[in-house]
Amino acid sequence: MDTSLITTSNTLEGYKVTKYLGVVRGITVRSRSVLGNMAGGFQSLFGGRLSVYVELCENAREEAYQLLVQHARVMGANAIINMRYDANEIMQGITEVLAYGTAVIVEKNAE
């Protein structure tokens, strides 16, 4: 799958959806270690960007995204439309990150 064919839009410019395959998702659950929480707490004393937590969020979103792409490939999709992220705190310090969208097969429009 060409990752340029993954969009938050309902359509892909220059492509026609020929088949809808259904909802696809990638889910990960993450927590920060005790040391990571201490480092984040220390950073928060000085304000500004909390790089420890930014890294955690970036890694969680990337993992959920890769799982989403893998799920779409298994279904035979060559594109994903209407892609979104969602996150929920399962319990204090443990967060679920979900990437989801609609798996489709697209063809390039004739010019």
C-alpha atoms as a PDB file:
ATOM      1  CA  MET A   1       0.000   0.000   0.000  1.00  0.00           C
ATOM      2  CA  ASP A   2       1.271   3.430  -0.943  1.00  0.00           C
ATOM      3  CA  THR A   3       0.947   5.466   2.268  1.00  0.00           C
ATOM      4  CA  SER A   4       0.247   8.573   0.187  1.00  0.00           C
ATOM      5  CA  LEU A   5      -3.141   6.912  -0.435  1.00  0.00           C
ATOM      6  CA  ILE A   6      -4.103   7.278   3.225  1.00  0.00           C
ATOM      7  CA  THR A   7      -6.173  10.370   3.884  1.00  0.00           C
ATOM      8  CA  THR A   8      -8.408  12.000   6.451  1.00  0.00           C
ATOM      9  CA  SER A   9     -10.652  13.045   3.579  1.00  0.00           C
ATOM     10  CA  ASN A  10     -13.620  11.069   2.245  1.00  0.00           C
ATOM     11  CA  THR A  11     -12.064  11.043  -1.233  1.00  0.00           C
ATOM     12  CA  LEU A  12      -8.651  10.859  -2.860  1.00  0.00           C
ATOM     13  CA  GLU A  13      -7.975  13.519  -5.474  1.00  0.00           C
ATOM     14  CA  GLY A  14      -7.339  11.856  -8.827  1.00  0.00           C
ATOM     15  CA  TYR A  15      -8.667   8.454  -7.741  1.00  0.00           C
ATOM     16  CA  LYS A  16     -11.999   6.660  -7.906  1.00  0.00           C
ATOM     17  CA  VAL A  17     -13.118   4.315  -5.124  1.00  0.00           C
ATOM     18  CA  THR A  18     -14.056   1.037  -6.802  1.00  0.00           C
ATOM     19  CA  LYS A  19     -14.714  -1.011  -3.685  1.00  0.00           C
ATOM     20  CA  TYR A  20     -15.321  -0.353   0.008  1.00  0.00           C
ATOM     21  CA  LEU A  21     -13.812  -3.100   2.170  1.00  0.00           C
ATOM     22  CA  GLY A  22     -14.891  -1.854   5.586  1.00  0.00           C
ATOM     23  CA  VAL A  23     -13.532  -0.337   8.761  1.00  0.00           C
ATOM     24  CA  VAL A  24      -9.885  -0.965   9.630  1.00  0.00           C
ATOM     25  CA  ARG A  25      -8.122  -0.149  12.867  1.00  0.00           C
ATOM     26  CA  GLY A  26      -4.871  -0.259  14.713  1.00  0.00           C
ATOM     27  CA  ILE A  27      -4.891  -0.217  18.502  1.00  0.00           C
ATOM     28  CA  THR A  28      -2.082   0.098  21.012  1.00  0.00           C
ATOM     29  CA  VAL A  29      -2.072   0.575  24.765  1.00  0.00           C
ATOM     30  CA  ARG A  30       0.833   2.427  26.330  1.00  0.00           C
ATOM     31  CA  SER A  31       2.054   3.624  29.693  1.00  0.00           C
ATOM     32  CA  ARG A  32       5.052   5.624  30.789  1.00  0.00           C
ATOM     33  CA  SER A  33       7.545   3.973  33.144  1.00  0.00           C
ATOM     34  CA  VAL A  34       8.048   5.264  36.671  1.00  0.00           C
ATOM     35  CA  LEU A  35      11.329   6.861  35.585  1.00  0.00           C
ATOM     36  CA  GLY A  36       9.630   8.401  32.555  1.00  0.00           C
ATOM     37  CA  ASN A  37       6.904   9.853  34.773  1.00  0.00           C
ATOM     38  CA  MET A  38       9.551  11.286  37.097  1.00  0.00           C
ATOM     39  CA  ALA A  39      11.374  12.858  34.133  1.00  0.00           C
ATOM     40  CA  GLY A  40       8.090  14.245  32.790  1.00  0.00           C
ATOM     41  CA  GLY A  41       7.190  15.623  36.212  1.00  0.00           C
ATOM     42  CA  PHE A  42      10.598  17.263  36.471  1.00  0.00           C
ATOM     43  CA  GLN A  43      10.203  18.821  33.003  1.00  0.00           C
ATOM     44  CA  SER A  44       6.758  20.137  33.941  1.00  0.00           C
ATOM     45  CA  LEU A  45       8.293  22.156  36.806  1.00  0.00           C
ATOM     46  CA  PHE A  46       9.981  24.369  34.222  1.00  0.00           C
ATOM     47  CA  GLY A  47       7.068  24.569  31.777  1.00  0.00           C
ATOM     48  CA  GLY A  48       7.271  24.298  28.029  1.00  0.00           C
ATOM     49  CA  ARG A  49       7.433  21.210  25.849  1.00  0.00           C
ATOM     50  CA  LEU A  50       7.340  17.919  27.758  1.00  0.00           C
ATOM     51  CA  SER A  51       9.551  15.869  25.429  1.00  0.00           C
ATOM     52  CA  VAL A  52       9.175  12.657  27.470  1.00  0.00           C
ATOM     53  CA  TYR A  53       5.410  12.683  26.913  1.00  0.00           C
ATOM     54  CA  VAL A  54       5.660  13.927  23.324  1.00  0.00           C
ATOM     55  CA  GLU A  55       7.859  10.936  22.506  1.00  0.00           C
ATOM     56  CA  LEU A  56       5.392   8.563  24.184  1.00  0.00           C
ATOM     57  CA  CYS A  57       2.469  10.013  22.204  1.00  0.00           C
ATOM     58  CA  GLU A  58       4.377   9.982  18.910  1.00  0.00           C
ATOM     59  CA  ASN A  59       5.419   6.354  19.407  1.00  0.00           C
ATOM     60  CA  ALA A  60       1.894   5.280  20.348  1.00  0.00           C
ATOM     61  CA  ARG A  61       0.365   7.010  17.306  1.00  0.00           C
ATOM     62  CA  GLU A  62       2.994   5.568  14.966  1.00  0.00           C
ATOM     63  CA  GLU A  63       2.404   2.051  16.287  1.00  0.00           C
ATOM     64  CA  ALA A  64      -1.384   2.410  15.936  1.00  0.00           C
ATOM     65  CA  TYR A  65      -0.893   3.803  12.411  1.00  0.00           C
ATOM     66  CA  GLN A  66       1.340   0.899  11.349  1.00  0.00           C
ATOM     67  CA  LEU A  67      -1.201  -1.600  12.728  1.00  0.00           C
ATOM     68  CA  LEU A  68      -3.939   0.210  10.778  1.00  0.00           C
ATOM     69  CA  VAL A  69      -1.952  -0.096   7.544  1.00  0.00           C
ATOM     70  CA  GLN A  70      -1.239  -3.773   8.253  1.00  0.00           C
ATOM     71  CA  HIS A  71      -4.950  -4.462   8.841  1.00  0.00           C
ATOM     72  CA  ALA A  72      -5.861  -2.721   5.557  1.00  0.00           C
ATOM     73  CA  ARG A  73      -3.254  -4.720   3.632  1.00  0.00           C
ATOM     74  CA  VAL A  74      -4.631  -7.991   5.026  1.00  0.00           C
ATOM     75  CA  MET A  75      -8.077  -6.952   3.769  1.00  0.00           C
ATOM     76  CA  GLY A  76      -6.648  -6.298   0.297  1.00  0.00           C
ATOM     77  CA  ALA A  77      -6.962  -2.503   0.359  1.00  0.00           C
ATOM     78  CA  ASN A  78      -4.694  -0.190  -1.570  1.00  0.00           C
ATOM     79  CA  ALA A  79      -5.952   2.948   0.206  1.00  0.00           C
ATOM     80  CA  ILE A  80      -7.568   4.168   3.415  1.00  0.00           C
ATOM     81  CA  ILE A  81     -10.004   7.069   3.515  1.00  0.00           C
ATOM     82  CA  ASN A  82     -11.488   8.998   6.429  1.00  0.00           C
ATOM     83  CA  MET A  83      -8.550   8.042   8.677  1.00  0.00           C
ATOM     84  CA  ARG A  84      -8.698   9.292  12.279  1.00  0.00           C
ATOM     85  CA  TYR A  85      -6.975   8.932  15.652  1.00  0.00           C
ATOM     86  CA  ASP A  86      -8.661   8.558  19.016  1.00  0.00           C
ATOM     87  CA  ALA A  87      -7.223   8.130  22.503  1.00  0.00           C
ATOM     88  CA  ASN A  88      -8.771   7.088  25.787  1.00  0.00           C
ATOM     89  CA  GLU A  89      -7.328   6.740  29.234  1.00  0.00           C
ATOM     90  CA  ILE A  90      -8.037   3.180  30.393  1.00  0.00           C
ATOM     91  CA  MET A  91      -6.773   3.880  33.890  1.00  0.00           C
ATOM     92  CA  GLN A  92      -4.446   6.468  35.344  1.00  0.00           C
ATOM     93  CA  GLY A  93      -1.229   6.455  33.347  1.00  0.00           C
ATOM     94  CA  ILE A  94      -2.424   3.899  30.768  1.00  0.00           C
ATOM     95  CA  THR A  95      -3.745   5.149  27.452  1.00  0.00           C
ATOM     96  CA  GLU A  96      -5.265   3.398  24.463  1.00  0.00           C
ATOM     97  CA  VAL A  97      -4.512   4.943  21.063  1.00  0.00           C
ATOM     98  CA  LEU A  98      -6.684   3.961  18.129  1.00  0.00           C
ATOM     99  CA  ALA A  99      -6.109   4.707  14.449  1.00  0.00           C
ATOM    100  CA  TYR A 100      -9.092   3.902  12.256  1.00  0.00           C
ATOM    101  CA  GLY A 101     -10.503   4.502   8.799  1.00  0.00           C
ATOM    102  CA  THR A 102     -12.218   2.902   5.840  1.00  0.00           C
ATOM    103  CA  ALA A 103     -10.254   0.410   3.733  1.00  0.00           C
ATOM    104  CA  VAL A 104     -10.918   0.839   0.018  1.00  0.00           C
ATOM    105  CA  ILE A 105      -9.666  -0.159  -3.382  1.00  0.00           C
ATOM    106  CA  VAL A 106      -9.023   2.811  -5.646  1.00  0.00           C
ATOM    107  CA  GLU A 107      -8.096   3.264  -9.286  1.00  0.00           C
ATOM    108  CA  LYS A 108      -6.395   6.279 -10.773  1.00  0.00           C
ATOM    109  CA  ASN A 109      -8.818   8.409 -12.790  1.00  0.00           C
ATOM    110  CA  ALA A 110      -8.352   8.347 -16.555  1.00  0.00           C
ATOM    111  CA  GLU A 111      -6.926  11.630 -17.774  1.00  0.00           C
END
